[in-house]
Amino acid sequence: MNLFDSIPTIFKNNLIDNLNPLISIITPCYNSADFITPTINSVVDQSYKNWELIVIDDHSKDETYKVVEEFVKQDSRIKLVRLEKNGGVANARNVGLSTVKGKYVAFLDSDDIWLKDKLSRQVGYMEEKNLPMSFCAYNRINEEGKVISKLIEVPKSVNYKQLLSHNVIIFSTSLTLTSAIGDLKFKKVGHEDWIFWLDLFKRCGQGYGINEPLALYRIRNNSVSSNKLKVIGFTWKILRESEKLGLMESIYHFTKYAFATVLKRLK
């Protein structure tokens, strides 16, 4: 018998949790039956094993919940929450946040994919540096799963002011301390991802980038992000109404945001 085997179970579990803290993964989905299987498989295949996956089915009209139920039967770490009515992605994520048990929270959209060392690389980096939030580089893929971009690199860090000019954080690349999120909730507005990070960085200062390709971000033909006019309207409204910036400051950040967006699409 080695020393570890002689440790009482309760202390052994605490030791394991300290070395490999639990990560709560929130995946909202709506009519995602065609894409969610590779998404969940990319979680199951992670080299980091101490996680729980909370899938929030936002009252889908297709077979999404049946696909997820098959995974639930095979892996006790996967949970399914079915909402009785469609409330949008912000509401679904808030439902997920209300159930998390982990030291860290990761968000994974139902059509995106993680590479196998995504969680391991991020949690190791954050634990070593004692960081509140991290994000990583990624590639874009199309609806068929084909890579359609060069590596989208990320900066070493980004703070609130920098984020006003350009949202460099794809939600599915993030990992955040649950304690840093606290009682923060998603707001039901356009660009809810961006405004969530703005609100978070008002609390924790900044996020830290890992410039390694650890995720695949799927571009959908019918997504809000593919509708350029809507994105422009959401961006201006957040700068003026949510962040309450003056006209000239809003124009400054809006211009930088538009320029950065065009450059990103050319990669």
Foldseek 3Di string as FASTA:
>chain_A
DDPLVPDDPVVSVVVVCVVQWEEEEEEEDAQLPLAQPQAVVLVVLAPRDRYAYEYEYQQHPDCVVVVQVVVVVVDVSYHYHYDPHHDDDQVSVQVSLVPDDTQKYAYAYRRKHWHRHLVVVVVVVCVVVVAFKEFEWAFEAEPVRHTDDDILFDDQKDALVRLLQAPSHDRRRMMGGSVLCPPPGFDPAPPSVSVSRNVSRVRRPIYGYDGDHTMYHYDYPPDPVVVVVSVLVRSLCCCCPVVNDDDVSSVVSSVSHVVVVVVSVVD
